[in-house]
């Protein structure tokens, strides 16, 4: 199979040629996608091309940090919403001795 056989190749090319985004905007977006999708080869190539296009190393680090933070936030949101939908709650602490009740009135 060749990448050129797929309609996706044409879509990527057309989208990449969009006049609505600058290269400075396209590079970090593409980098965020490849890094979060886990493609080492794609990410390395995008890092190299972004640097060659004039983006600073610091901009790339900031973009990757932002992508990682957004993904972490999504992960936590999905977990908390899934727990909420299924009635999963944090269990109350169970005390093995009276240490947990120190200072509380006895019933």
PDB file of N, CA and C in Angstrom:
ATOM      1  N   UNK A   1       0.837  -1.179   0.000  1.00  0.00           N
ATOM      2  CA  UNK A   1       0.000   0.000   0.000  1.00  0.00           C
ATOM      3  C   UNK A   1       0.879   1.238   0.000  1.00  0.00           C
ATOM      4  N   UNK A   2       0.423   2.215  -0.701  1.00  0.00           N
ATOM      5  CA  UNK A   2       1.106   3.498  -0.755  1.00  0.00           C
ATOM      6  C   UNK A   2       0.187   4.570  -0.183  1.00  0.00           C
ATOM      7  N   UNK A   3       0.742   5.518   0.548  1.00  0.00           N
ATOM      8  CA  UNK A   3      -0.044   6.594   1.134  1.00  0.00           C
ATOM      9  C   UNK A   3      -0.807   7.354   0.060  1.00  0.00           C
ATOM     10  N   UNK A   4      -0.198   7.502  -1.094  1.00  0.00           N
ATOM     11  CA  UNK A   4      -0.827   8.261  -2.187  1.00  0.00           C
ATOM     12  C   UNK A   4      -2.100   7.602  -2.713  1.00  0.00           C
ATOM     13  N   UNK A   5      -2.318   6.334  -2.398  1.00  0.00           N
ATOM     14  CA  UNK A   5      -3.530   5.639  -2.839  1.00  0.00           C
ATOM     15  C   UNK A   5      -4.767   6.071  -2.055  1.00  0.00           C
ATOM     16  N   UNK A   6      -4.569   6.684  -0.914  1.00  0.00           N
ATOM     17  CA  UNK A   6      -5.678   7.001  -0.028  1.00  0.00           C
ATOM     18  C   UNK A   6      -6.185   8.427  -0.226  1.00  0.00           C
ATOM     19  N   UNK A   7      -7.491   8.594  -0.121  1.00  0.00           N
ATOM     20  CA  UNK A   7      -8.108   9.916  -0.243  1.00  0.00           C
ATOM     21  C   UNK A   7      -7.592  10.848   0.857  1.00  0.00           C
ATOM     22  N   UNK A   8      -7.187  10.284   1.971  1.00  0.00           N
ATOM     23  CA  UNK A   8      -6.676  11.080   3.087  1.00  0.00           C
ATOM     24  C   UNK A   8      -5.464  11.904   2.669  1.00  0.00           C
ATOM     25  N   UNK A   9      -4.644  11.375   1.788  1.00  0.00           N
ATOM     26  CA  UNK A   9      -3.449  12.095   1.330  1.00  0.00           C
ATOM     27  C   UNK A   9      -3.851  13.397   0.667  1.00  0.00           C
ATOM     28  N   UNK A  10      -4.863  13.357  -0.180  1.00  0.00           N
ATOM     29  CA  UNK A  10      -5.336  14.564  -0.857  1.00  0.00           C
ATOM     30  C   UNK A  10      -5.932  15.545   0.159  1.00  0.00           C
ATOM     31  N   UNK A  11      -6.688  15.032   1.093  1.00  0.00           N
ATOM     32  CA  UNK A  11      -7.292  15.872   2.127  1.00  0.00           C
ATOM     33  C   UNK A  11      -6.215  16.578   2.951  1.00  0.00           C
ATOM     34  N   UNK A  12      -5.181  15.848   3.350  1.00  0.00           N
ATOM     35  CA  UNK A  12      -4.083  16.439   4.112  1.00  0.00           C
ATOM     36  C   UNK A  12      -3.401  17.550   3.317  1.00  0.00           C
ATOM     37  N   UNK A  13      -3.162  17.291   2.064  1.00  0.00           N
ATOM     38  CA  UNK A  13      -2.495  18.289   1.220  1.00  0.00           C
ATOM     39  C   UNK A  13      -3.356  19.543   1.086  1.00  0.00           C
ATOM     40  N   UNK A  14      -4.643  19.367   0.791  1.00  0.00           N
ATOM     41  CA  UNK A  14      -5.540  20.515   0.633  1.00  0.00           C
ATOM     42  C   UNK A  14      -5.672  21.295   1.944  1.00  0.00           C
ATOM     43  N   UNK A  15      -5.804  20.590   3.029  1.00  0.00           N
ATOM     44  CA  UNK A  15      -5.944  21.244   4.328  1.00  0.00           C
ATOM     45  C   UNK A  15      -4.664  21.986   4.696  1.00  0.00           C
ATOM     46  N   UNK A  16      -3.537  21.381   4.420  1.00  0.00           N
ATOM     47  CA  UNK A  16      -2.252  22.007   4.715  1.00  0.00           C
ATOM     48  C   UNK A  16      -1.996  23.270   3.912  1.00  0.00           C
ATOM     49  N   UNK A  17      -2.666  23.396   2.786  1.00  0.00           N
ATOM     50  CA  UNK A  17      -2.493  24.573   1.931  1.00  0.00           C
ATOM     51  C   UNK A  17      -3.487  25.685   2.266  1.00  0.00           C
ATOM     52  N   UNK A  18      -4.242  25.534   3.332  1.00  0.00           N
ATOM     53  CA  UNK A  18      -5.237  26.525   3.716  1.00  0.00           C
ATOM     54  C   UNK A  18      -4.603  27.897   3.886  1.00  0.00           C
ATOM     55  N   UNK A  19      -5.265  28.898   3.347  1.00  0.00           N
ATOM     56  CA  UNK A  19      -4.778  30.276   3.472  1.00  0.00           C
ATOM     57  C   UNK A  19      -5.258  30.921   4.766  1.00  0.00           C
ATOM     58  N   UNK A  20      -6.068  30.219   5.518  1.00  0.00           N
ATOM     59  CA  UNK A  20      -6.643  30.785   6.742  1.00  0.00           C
ATOM     60  C   UNK A  20      -5.730  30.637   7.959  1.00  0.00           C
ATOM     61  N   UNK A  21      -4.720  29.793   7.843  1.00  0.00           N
ATOM     62  CA  UNK A  21      -3.752  29.611   8.923  1.00  0.00           C
ATOM     63  C   UNK A  21      -2.358  29.880   8.387  1.00  0.00           C
ATOM     64  N   UNK A  22      -1.541  30.528   9.203  1.00  0.00           N
ATOM     65  CA  UNK A  22      -0.153  30.746   8.832  1.00  0.00           C
ATOM     66  C   UNK A  22       0.651  29.488   9.155  1.00  0.00           C
ATOM     67  N   UNK A  23       1.865  29.400   8.598  1.00  0.00           N
ATOM     68  CA  UNK A  23       2.734  28.275   8.952  1.00  0.00           C
ATOM     69  C   UNK A  23       3.032  28.277  10.443  1.00  0.00           C
ATOM     70  N   UNK A  24       3.155  29.472  11.007  1.00  0.00           N
ATOM     71  CA  UNK A  24       3.423  29.574  12.448  1.00  0.00           C
ATOM     72  C   UNK A  24       2.264  28.968  13.252  1.00  0.00           C
ATOM     73  N   UNK A  25       1.066  29.007  12.736  1.00  0.00           N
ATOM     74  CA  UNK A  25      -0.090  28.398  13.400  1.00  0.00           C
ATOM     75  C   UNK A  25      -0.204  26.911  13.063  1.00  0.00           C
ATOM     76  N   UNK A  26       0.092  26.549  11.820  1.00  0.00           N
ATOM     77  CA  UNK A  26      -0.039  25.155  11.386  1.00  0.00           C
ATOM     78  C   UNK A  26       0.950  24.224  12.082  1.00  0.00           C
ATOM     79  N   UNK A  27       2.196  24.667  12.230  1.00  0.00           N
ATOM     80  CA  UNK A  27       3.217  23.789  12.815  1.00  0.00           C
ATOM     81  C   UNK A  27       2.864  23.324  14.226  1.00  0.00           C
ATOM     82  N   UNK A  28       2.523  24.223  15.153  1.00  0.00           N
ATOM     83  CA  UNK A  28       2.189  23.738  16.505  1.00  0.00           C
ATOM     84  C   UNK A  28       0.939  22.854  16.545  1.00  0.00           C
ATOM     85  N   UNK A  29      -0.028  23.130  15.688  1.00  0.00           N
ATOM     86  CA  UNK A  29      -1.229  22.291  15.660  1.00  0.00           C
ATOM     87  C   UNK A  29      -0.870  20.884  15.199  1.00  0.00           C
ATOM     88  N   UNK A  30      -0.142  20.792  14.103  1.00  0.00           N
ATOM     89  CA  UNK A  30       0.278  19.484  13.601  1.00  0.00           C
ATOM     90  C   UNK A  30       1.131  18.741  14.599  1.00  0.00           C
ATOM     91  N   UNK A  31       2.024  19.472  15.251  1.00  0.00           N
ATOM     92  CA  UNK A  31       2.894  18.872  16.254  1.00  0.00           C
ATOM     93  C   UNK A  31       2.084  18.342  17.435  1.00  0.00           C
ATOM     94  N   UNK A  32       1.113  19.112  17.880  1.00  0.00           N
ATOM     95  CA  UNK A  32       0.270  18.668  18.997  1.00  0.00           C
ATOM     96  C   UNK A  32      -0.460  17.371  18.644  1.00  0.00           C
ATOM     97  N   UNK A  33      -0.949  17.291  17.429  1.00  0.00           N
ATOM     98  CA  UNK A  33      -1.680  16.085  17.017  1.00  0.00           C
ATOM     99  C   UNK A  33      -0.746  14.884  16.947  1.00  0.00           C
ATOM    100  N   UNK A  34       0.395  15.028  16.284  1.00  0.00           N
ATOM    101  CA  UNK A  34       1.284  13.869  16.143  1.00  0.00           C
ATOM    102  C   UNK A  34       1.854  13.423  17.484  1.00  0.00           C
ATOM    103  N   UNK A  35       2.169  14.393  18.355  1.00  0.00           N
ATOM    104  CA  UNK A  35       2.722  14.025  19.664  1.00  0.00           C
ATOM    105  C   UNK A  35       1.687  13.297  20.511  1.00  0.00           C
ATOM    106  N   UNK A  36       0.456  13.787  20.510  1.00  0.00           N
ATOM    107  CA  UNK A  36      -0.570  13.152  21.345  1.00  0.00           C
ATOM    108  C   UNK A  36      -1.078  11.850  20.747  1.00  0.00           C
ATOM    109  N   UNK A  37      -0.917  11.670  19.446  1.00  0.00           N
ATOM    110  CA  UNK A  37      -1.324  10.412  18.815  1.00  0.00           C
ATOM    111  C   UNK A  37      -0.222   9.369  18.902  1.00  0.00           C
ATOM    112  N   UNK A  38       0.978   9.802  19.296  1.00  0.00           N
ATOM    113  CA  UNK A  38       2.055   8.850  19.557  1.00  0.00           C
ATOM    114  C   UNK A  38       2.891   8.454  18.356  1.00  0.00           C
ATOM    115  N   UNK A  39       2.980   9.292  17.351  1.00  0.00           N
ATOM    116  CA  UNK A  39       3.801   8.957  16.186  1.00  0.00           C
ATOM    117  C   UNK A  39       5.176   9.618  16.328  1.00  0.00           C
ATOM    118  N   UNK A  40       6.170   8.828  16.664  1.00  0.00           N
ATOM    119  CA  UNK A  40       7.521   9.339  16.881  1.00  0.00           C
ATOM    120  C   UNK A  40       8.108   9.911  15.600  1.00  0.00           C
ATOM    121  N   UNK A  41       7.967   9.187  14.493  1.00  0.00           N
ATOM    122  CA  UNK A  41       8.532   9.654  13.223  1.00  0.00           C
ATOM    123  C   UNK A  41       7.878  10.958  12.782  1.00  0.00           C
ATOM    124  N   UNK A  42       6.567  11.027  12.870  1.00  0.00           N
ATOM    125  CA  UNK A  42       5.847  12.239  12.467  1.00  0.00           C
ATOM    126  C   UNK A  42       6.209  13.417  13.367  1.00  0.00           C
ATOM    127  N   UNK A  43       6.283  13.165  14.658  1.00  0.00           N
ATOM    128  CA  UNK A  43       6.596  14.227  15.613  1.00  0.00           C
ATOM    129  C   UNK A  43       8.007  14.761  15.386  1.00  0.00           C
ATOM    130  N   UNK A  44       8.950  13.862  15.192  1.00  0.00           N
ATOM    131  CA  UNK A  44      10.326  14.289  14.930  1.00  0.00           C
ATOM    132  C   UNK A  44      10.425  15.128  13.670  1.00  0.00           C
ATOM    133  N   UNK A  45       9.738  14.689  12.617  1.00  0.00           N
ATOM    134  CA  UNK A  45       9.737  15.448  11.367  1.00  0.00           C
ATOM    135  C   UNK A  45       9.087  16.813  11.524  1.00  0.00           C
ATOM    136  N   UNK A  46       8.009  16.854  12.263  1.00  0.00           N
ATOM    137  CA  UNK A  46       7.312  18.138  12.484  1.00  0.00           C
ATOM    138  C   UNK A  46       8.163  19.077  13.336  1.00  0.00           C
ATOM    139  N   UNK A  47       8.845  18.549  14.331  1.00  0.00           N
ATOM    140  CA  UNK A  47       9.741  19.373  15.139  1.00  0.00           C
ATOM    141  C   UNK A  47      10.833  20.001  14.260  1.00  0.00           C
ATOM    142  N   UNK A  48      11.438  19.171  13.435  1.00  0.00           N
ATOM    143  CA  UNK A  48      12.518  19.645  12.558  1.00  0.00           C
ATOM    144  C   UNK A  48      12.009  20.710  11.587  1.00  0.00           C
ATOM    145  N   UNK A  49      10.867  20.454  10.941  1.00  0.00           N
ATOM    146  CA  UNK A  49      10.314  21.422   9.975  1.00  0.00           C
ATOM    147  C   UNK A  49       9.884  22.714  10.661  1.00  0.00           C
ATOM    148  N   UNK A  50       9.357  22.617  11.864  1.00  0.00           N
ATOM    149  CA  UNK A  50       8.950  23.825  12.587  1.00  0.00           C
ATOM    150  C   UNK A  50      10.163  24.691  12.921  1.00  0.00           C
ATOM    151  N   UNK A  51      11.243  24.061  13.365  1.00  0.00           N
ATOM    152  CA  UNK A  51      12.471  24.815  13.647  1.00  0.00           C
ATOM    153  C   UNK A  51      13.017  25.454  12.364  1.00  0.00           C
ATOM    154  N   UNK A  52      13.001  24.694  11.276  1.00  0.00           N
ATOM    155  CA  UNK A  52      13.478  25.219   9.992  1.00  0.00           C
ATOM    156  C   UNK A  52      12.615  26.374   9.499  1.00  0.00           C
ATOM    157  N   UNK A  53      11.347  26.384   9.889  1.00  0.00           N
ATOM    158  CA  UNK A  53      10.430  27.451   9.487  1.00  0.00           C
ATOM    159  C   UNK A  53      10.569  28.685  10.371  1.00  0.00           C
ATOM    160  N   UNK A  54      11.420  28.599  11.395  1.00  0.00           N
ATOM    161  CA  UNK A  54      11.673  29.764  12.223  1.00  0.00           C
ATOM    162  C   UNK A  54      11.012  29.776  13.583  1.00  0.00           C
ATOM    163  N   UNK A  55      10.273  28.740  13.908  1.00  0.00           N
ATOM    164  CA  UNK A  55       9.700  28.696  15.256  1.00  0.00           C
ATOM    165  C   UNK A  55      10.822  28.389  16.240  1.00  0.00           C
ATOM    166  N   UNK A  56      10.760  28.988  17.409  1.00  0.00           N
ATOM    167  CA  UNK A  56      11.809  28.764  18.396  1.00  0.00           C
ATOM    168  C   UNK A  56      11.587  27.441  19.126  1.00  0.00           C
ATOM    169  N   UNK A  57      12.657  26.932  19.660  1.00  0.00           N
ATOM    170  CA  UNK A  57      12.601  25.721  20.475  1.00  0.00           C
ATOM    171  C   UNK A  57      11.615  25.913  21.625  1.00  0.00           C
ATOM    172  N   UNK A  58      11.644  27.098  22.246  1.00  0.00           N
ATOM    173  CA  UNK A  58      10.769  27.402  23.377  1.00  0.00           C
ATOM    174  C   UNK A  58       9.289  27.361  22.983  1.00  0.00           C
ATOM    175  N   UNK A  59       8.977  27.824  21.774  1.00  0.00           N
ATOM    176  CA  UNK A  59       7.589  27.759  21.283  1.00  0.00           C
ATOM    177  C   UNK A  59       7.155  26.307  21.146  1.00  0.00           C
ATOM    178  N   UNK A  60       8.044  25.467  20.639  1.00  0.00           N
ATOM    179  CA  UNK A  60       7.703  24.051  20.475  1.00  0.00           C
ATOM    180  C   UNK A  60       7.482  23.380  21.829  1.00  0.00           C
ATOM    181  N   UNK A  61       8.340  23.667  22.791  1.00  0.00           N
ATOM    182  CA  UNK A  61       8.176  23.098  24.138  1.00  0.00           C
ATOM    183  C   UNK A  61       6.855  23.566  24.747  1.00  0.00           C
ATOM    184  N   UNK A  62       6.562  24.865  24.608  1.00  0.00           N
ATOM    185  CA  UNK A  62       5.302  25.394  25.153  1.00  0.00           C
ATOM    186  C   UNK A  62       4.100  24.737  24.487  1.00  0.00           C
ATOM    187  N   UNK A  63       4.166  24.522  23.187  1.00  0.00           N
ATOM    188  CA  UNK A  63       3.065  23.873  22.474  1.00  0.00           C
ATOM    189  C   UNK A  63       2.858  22.438  22.918  1.00  0.00           C
ATOM    190  N   UNK A  64       3.955  21.714  23.094  1.00  0.00           N
ATOM    191  CA  UNK A  64       3.851  20.329  23.556  1.00  0.00           C
ATOM    192  C   UNK A  64       3.328  20.288  24.988  1.00  0.00           C
ATOM    193  N   UNK A  65       3.810  21.204  25.832  1.00  0.00           N
ATOM    194  CA  UNK A  65       3.290  21.285  27.200  1.00  0.00           C
ATOM    195  C   UNK A  65       1.783  21.539  27.205  1.00  0.00           C
ATOM    196  N   UNK A  66       1.334  22.454  26.360  1.00  0.00           N
ATOM    197  CA  UNK A  66      -0.095  22.763  26.292  1.00  0.00           C
ATOM    198  C   UNK A  66      -0.888  21.547  25.819  1.00  0.00           C
ATOM    199  N   UNK A  67      -0.404  20.874  24.775  1.00  0.00           N
ATOM    200  CA  UNK A  67      -1.093  19.678  24.276  1.00  0.00           C
ATOM    201  C   UNK A  67      -1.170  18.605  25.360  1.00  0.00           C
ATOM    202  N   UNK A  68      -0.084  18.418  26.100  1.00  0.00           N
ATOM    203  CA  UNK A  68      -0.070  17.420  27.169  1.00  0.00           C
ATOM    204  C   UNK A  68      -1.047  17.796  28.281  1.00  0.00           C
ATOM    205  N   UNK A  69      -1.086  19.084  28.633  1.00  0.00           N
ATOM    206  CA  UNK A  69      -2.003  19.529  29.687  1.00  0.00           C
ATOM    207  C   UNK A  69      -3.458  19.372  29.264  1.00  0.00           C
ATOM    208  N   UNK A  70      -3.758  19.718  28.022  1.00  0.00           N
ATOM    209  CA  UNK A  70      -5.136  19.577  27.523  1.00  0.00           C
ATOM    210  C   UNK A  70      -5.531  18.103  27.527  1.00  0.00           C
ATOM    211  N   UNK A  71      -4.633  17.232  27.087  1.00  0.00           N
ATOM    212  CA  UNK A  71      -4.933  15.803  27.100  1.00  0.00           C
ATOM    213  C   UNK A  71      -5.112  15.277  28.514  1.00  0.00           C
ATOM    214  N   UNK A  72      -4.308  15.765  29.449  1.00  0.00           N
ATOM    215  CA  UNK A  72      -4.466  15.348  30.838  1.00  0.00           C
ATOM    216  C   UNK A  72      -5.823  15.807  31.371  1.00  0.00           C
ATOM    217  N   UNK A  73      -6.208  17.029  31.035  1.00  0.00           N
ATOM    218  CA  UNK A  73      -7.511  17.533  31.466  1.00  0.00           C
ATOM    219  C   UNK A  73      -8.660  16.712  30.904  1.00  0.00           C
ATOM    220  N   UNK A  74      -8.535  16.328  29.645  1.00  0.00           N
ATOM    221  CA  UNK A  74      -9.569  15.499  29.017  1.00  0.00           C
ATOM    222  C   UNK A  74      -9.634  14.140  29.711  1.00  0.00           C
ATOM    223  N   UNK A  75      -8.488  13.578  30.025  1.00  0.00           N
ATOM    224  CA  UNK A  75      -8.448  12.280  30.703  1.00  0.00           C
ATOM    225  C   UNK A  75      -9.172  12.341  32.047  1.00  0.00           C
ATOM    226  N   UNK A  76      -8.885  13.375  32.820  1.00  0.00           N
ATOM    227  CA  UNK A  76      -9.531  13.532  34.123  1.00  0.00           C
ATOM    228  C   UNK A  76     -11.032  13.785  33.956  1.00  0.00           C
ATOM    229  N   UNK A  77     -11.409  14.615  32.995  1.00  0.00           N
ATOM    230  CA  UNK A  77     -12.831  14.900  32.768  1.00  0.00           C
ATOM    231  C   UNK A  77     -13.590  13.637  32.380  1.00  0.00           C
ATOM    232  N   UNK A  78     -13.014  12.839  31.508  1.00  0.00           N
ATOM    233  CA  UNK A  78     -13.663  11.590  31.082  1.00  0.00           C
ATOM    234  C   UNK A  78     -13.817  10.650  32.275  1.00  0.00           C
ATOM    235  N   UNK A  79     -12.774  10.534  33.081  1.00  0.00           N
ATOM    236  CA  UNK A  79     -12.839   9.641  34.246  1.00  0.00           C
ATOM    237  C   UNK A  79     -13.878  10.116  35.258  1.00  0.00           C
ATOM    238  N   UNK A  80     -13.903  11.410  35.551  1.00  0.00           N
ATOM    239  CA  UNK A  80     -14.855  11.899  36.545  1.00  0.00           C
ATOM    240  C   UNK A  80     -16.293  11.811  36.032  1.00  0.00           C
ATOM    241  N   UNK A  81     -16.505  12.094  34.759  1.00  0.00           N
ATOM    242  CA  UNK A  81     -17.855  11.974  34.200  1.00  0.00           C
ATOM    243  C   UNK A  81     -18.301  10.523  34.146  1.00  0.00           C
ATOM    244  N   UNK A  82     -17.383   9.620  33.810  1.00  0.00           N
ATOM    245  CA  UNK A  82     -17.714   8.195  33.806  1.00  0.00           C
ATOM    246  C   UNK A  82     -18.058   7.702  35.197  1.00  0.00           C
ATOM    247  N   UNK A  83     -17.291   8.166  36.187  1.00  0.00           N
ATOM    248  CA  UNK A  83     -17.573   7.782  37.570  1.00  0.00           C
ATOM    249  C   UNK A  83     -18.931   8.308  38.001  1.00  0.00           C
ATOM    250  N   UNK A  84     -19.204   9.567  37.665  1.00  0.00           N
ATOM    251  CA  UNK A  84     -20.488  10.181  38.031  1.00  0.00           C
ATOM    252  C   UNK A  84     -21.660   9.426  37.412  1.00  0.00           C
ATOM    253  N   UNK A  85     -21.552   9.094  36.143  1.00  0.00           N
ATOM    254  CA  UNK A  85     -22.638   8.378  35.453  1.00  0.00           C
ATOM    255  C   UNK A  85     -22.897   7.002  36.034  1.00  0.00           C
ATOM    256  N   UNK A  86     -21.866   6.417  36.626  1.00  0.00           N
ATOM    257  CA  UNK A  86     -22.000   5.052  37.129  1.00  0.00           C
ATOM    258  C   UNK A  86     -22.035   4.970  38.647  1.00  0.00           C
ATOM    259  N   UNK A  87     -22.217   6.113  39.292  1.00  0.00           N
ATOM    260  CA  UNK A  87     -22.370   6.120  40.740  1.00  0.00           C
ATOM    261  C   UNK A  87     -21.118   5.751  41.516  1.00  0.00           C
ATOM    262  N   UNK A  88     -19.967   5.935  40.908  1.00  0.00           N
ATOM    263  CA  UNK A  88     -18.717   5.622  41.600  1.00  0.00           C
ATOM    264  C   UNK A  88     -18.347   6.819  42.464  1.00  0.00           C
ATOM    265  N   UNK A  89     -18.248   6.586  43.770  1.00  0.00           N
ATOM    266  CA  UNK A  89     -17.901   7.657  44.708  1.00  0.00           C
ATOM    267  C   UNK A  89     -16.724   7.213  45.557  1.00  0.00           C
ATOM    268  N   UNK A  90     -16.034   8.187  46.113  1.00  0.00           N
ATOM    269  CA  UNK A  90     -14.903   7.895  46.987  1.00  0.00           C
ATOM    270  C   UNK A  90     -15.450   7.260  48.262  1.00  0.00           C
ATOM    271  N   UNK A  91     -14.917   6.116  48.642  1.00  0.00           N
ATOM    272  CA  UNK A  91     -15.412   5.463  49.858  1.00  0.00           C
ATOM    273  C   UNK A  91     -15.000   6.247  51.102  1.00  0.00           C
ATOM    274  N   UNK A  92     -15.842   6.160  52.111  1.00  0.00           N
ATOM    275  CA  UNK A  92     -15.537   6.781  53.396  1.00  0.00           C
ATOM    276  C   UNK A  92     -14.369   6.031  54.024  1.00  0.00           C
ATOM    277  N   UNK A  93     -13.505   6.751  54.734  1.00  0.00           N
ATOM    278  CA  UNK A  93     -12.382   6.049  55.379  1.00  0.00           C
ATOM    279  C   UNK A  93     -12.887   5.075  56.432  1.00  0.00           C
ATOM    280  N   UNK A  94     -12.242   3.962  56.493  1.00  0.00           N
ATOM    281  CA  UNK A  94     -12.575   2.948  57.492  1.00  0.00           C
ATOM    282  C   UNK A  94     -11.459   2.942  58.527  1.00  0.00           C
ATOM    283  N   UNK A  95     -11.838   3.068  59.781  1.00  0.00           N
ATOM    284  CA  UNK A  95     -10.843   3.104  60.852  1.00  0.00           C
ATOM    285  C   UNK A  95     -10.677   1.720  61.448  1.00  0.00           C
ATOM    286  N   UNK A  96      -9.427   1.370  61.647  1.00  0.00           N
ATOM    287  CA  UNK A  96      -9.151   0.077  62.279  1.00  0.00           C
ATOM    288  C   UNK A  96      -9.116   0.198  63.795  1.00  0.00           C
ATOM    289  N   UNK A  97      -8.984   1.409  64.272  1.00  0.00           N
ATOM    290  CA  UNK A  97      -8.958   1.617  65.718  1.00  0.00           C
ATOM    291  C   UNK A  97      -9.657   2.939  66.031  1.00  0.00           C
ATOM    292  N   UNK A  98      -9.539   3.418  67.242  1.00  0.00           N
ATOM    293  CA  UNK A  98     -10.241   4.631  67.633  1.00  0.00           C
ATOM    294  C   UNK A  98      -9.513   5.908  67.213  1.00  0.00           C
ATOM    295  N   UNK A  99      -8.381   5.817  66.545  1.00  0.00           N
ATOM    296  CA  UNK A  99      -7.621   6.996  66.154  1.00  0.00           C
ATOM    297  C   UNK A  99      -8.421   7.916  65.249  1.00  0.00           C
ATOM    298  N   UNK A 100      -9.303   7.359  64.425  1.00  0.00           N
ATOM    299  CA  UNK A 100     -10.102   8.163  63.499  1.00  0.00           C
ATOM    300  C   UNK A 100     -11.186   8.955  64.233  1.00  0.00           C
ATOM    301  N   UNK A 101     -11.531   8.557  65.389  1.00  0.00           N
ATOM    302  CA  UNK A 101     -12.631   9.215  66.100  1.00  0.00           C
ATOM    303  C   UNK A 101     -12.149  10.176  67.192  1.00  0.00           C
ATOM    304  N   UNK A 102     -10.859  10.395  67.290  1.00  0.00           N
ATOM    305  CA  UNK A 102     -10.328  11.288  68.302  1.00  0.00           C
ATOM    306  C   UNK A 102     -10.931  12.678  68.139  1.00  0.00           C
ATOM    307  N   UNK A 103     -11.493  13.215  69.210  1.00  0.00           N
ATOM    308  CA  UNK A 103     -12.071  14.539  69.197  1.00  0.00           C
ATOM    309  C   UNK A 103     -13.526  14.577  68.779  1.00  0.00           C
ATOM    310  N   UNK A 104     -14.092  13.467  68.348  1.00  0.00           N
ATOM    311  CA  UNK A 104     -15.507  13.426  67.958  1.00  0.00           C
ATOM    312  C   UNK A 104     -16.337  12.963  69.142  1.00  0.00           C
ATOM    313  N   UNK A 105     -17.547  13.472  69.267  1.00  0.00           N
ATOM    314  CA  UNK A 105     -18.404  13.006  70.374  1.00  0.00           C
ATOM    315  C   UNK A 105     -18.747  11.529  70.191  1.00  0.00           C
ATOM    316  N   UNK A 106     -18.792  10.820  71.284  1.00  0.00           N
ATOM    317  CA  UNK A 106     -19.155   9.398  71.226  1.00  0.00           C
ATOM    318  C   UNK A 106     -20.655   9.275  71.085  1.00  0.00           C
ATOM    319  N   UNK A 107     -21.069   8.318  70.289  1.00  0.00           N
ATOM    320  CA  UNK A 107     -22.519   8.139  70.106  1.00  0.00           C
ATOM    321  C   UNK A 107     -23.071   7.105  71.059  1.00  0.00           C
TER     322      UNK A 107
END
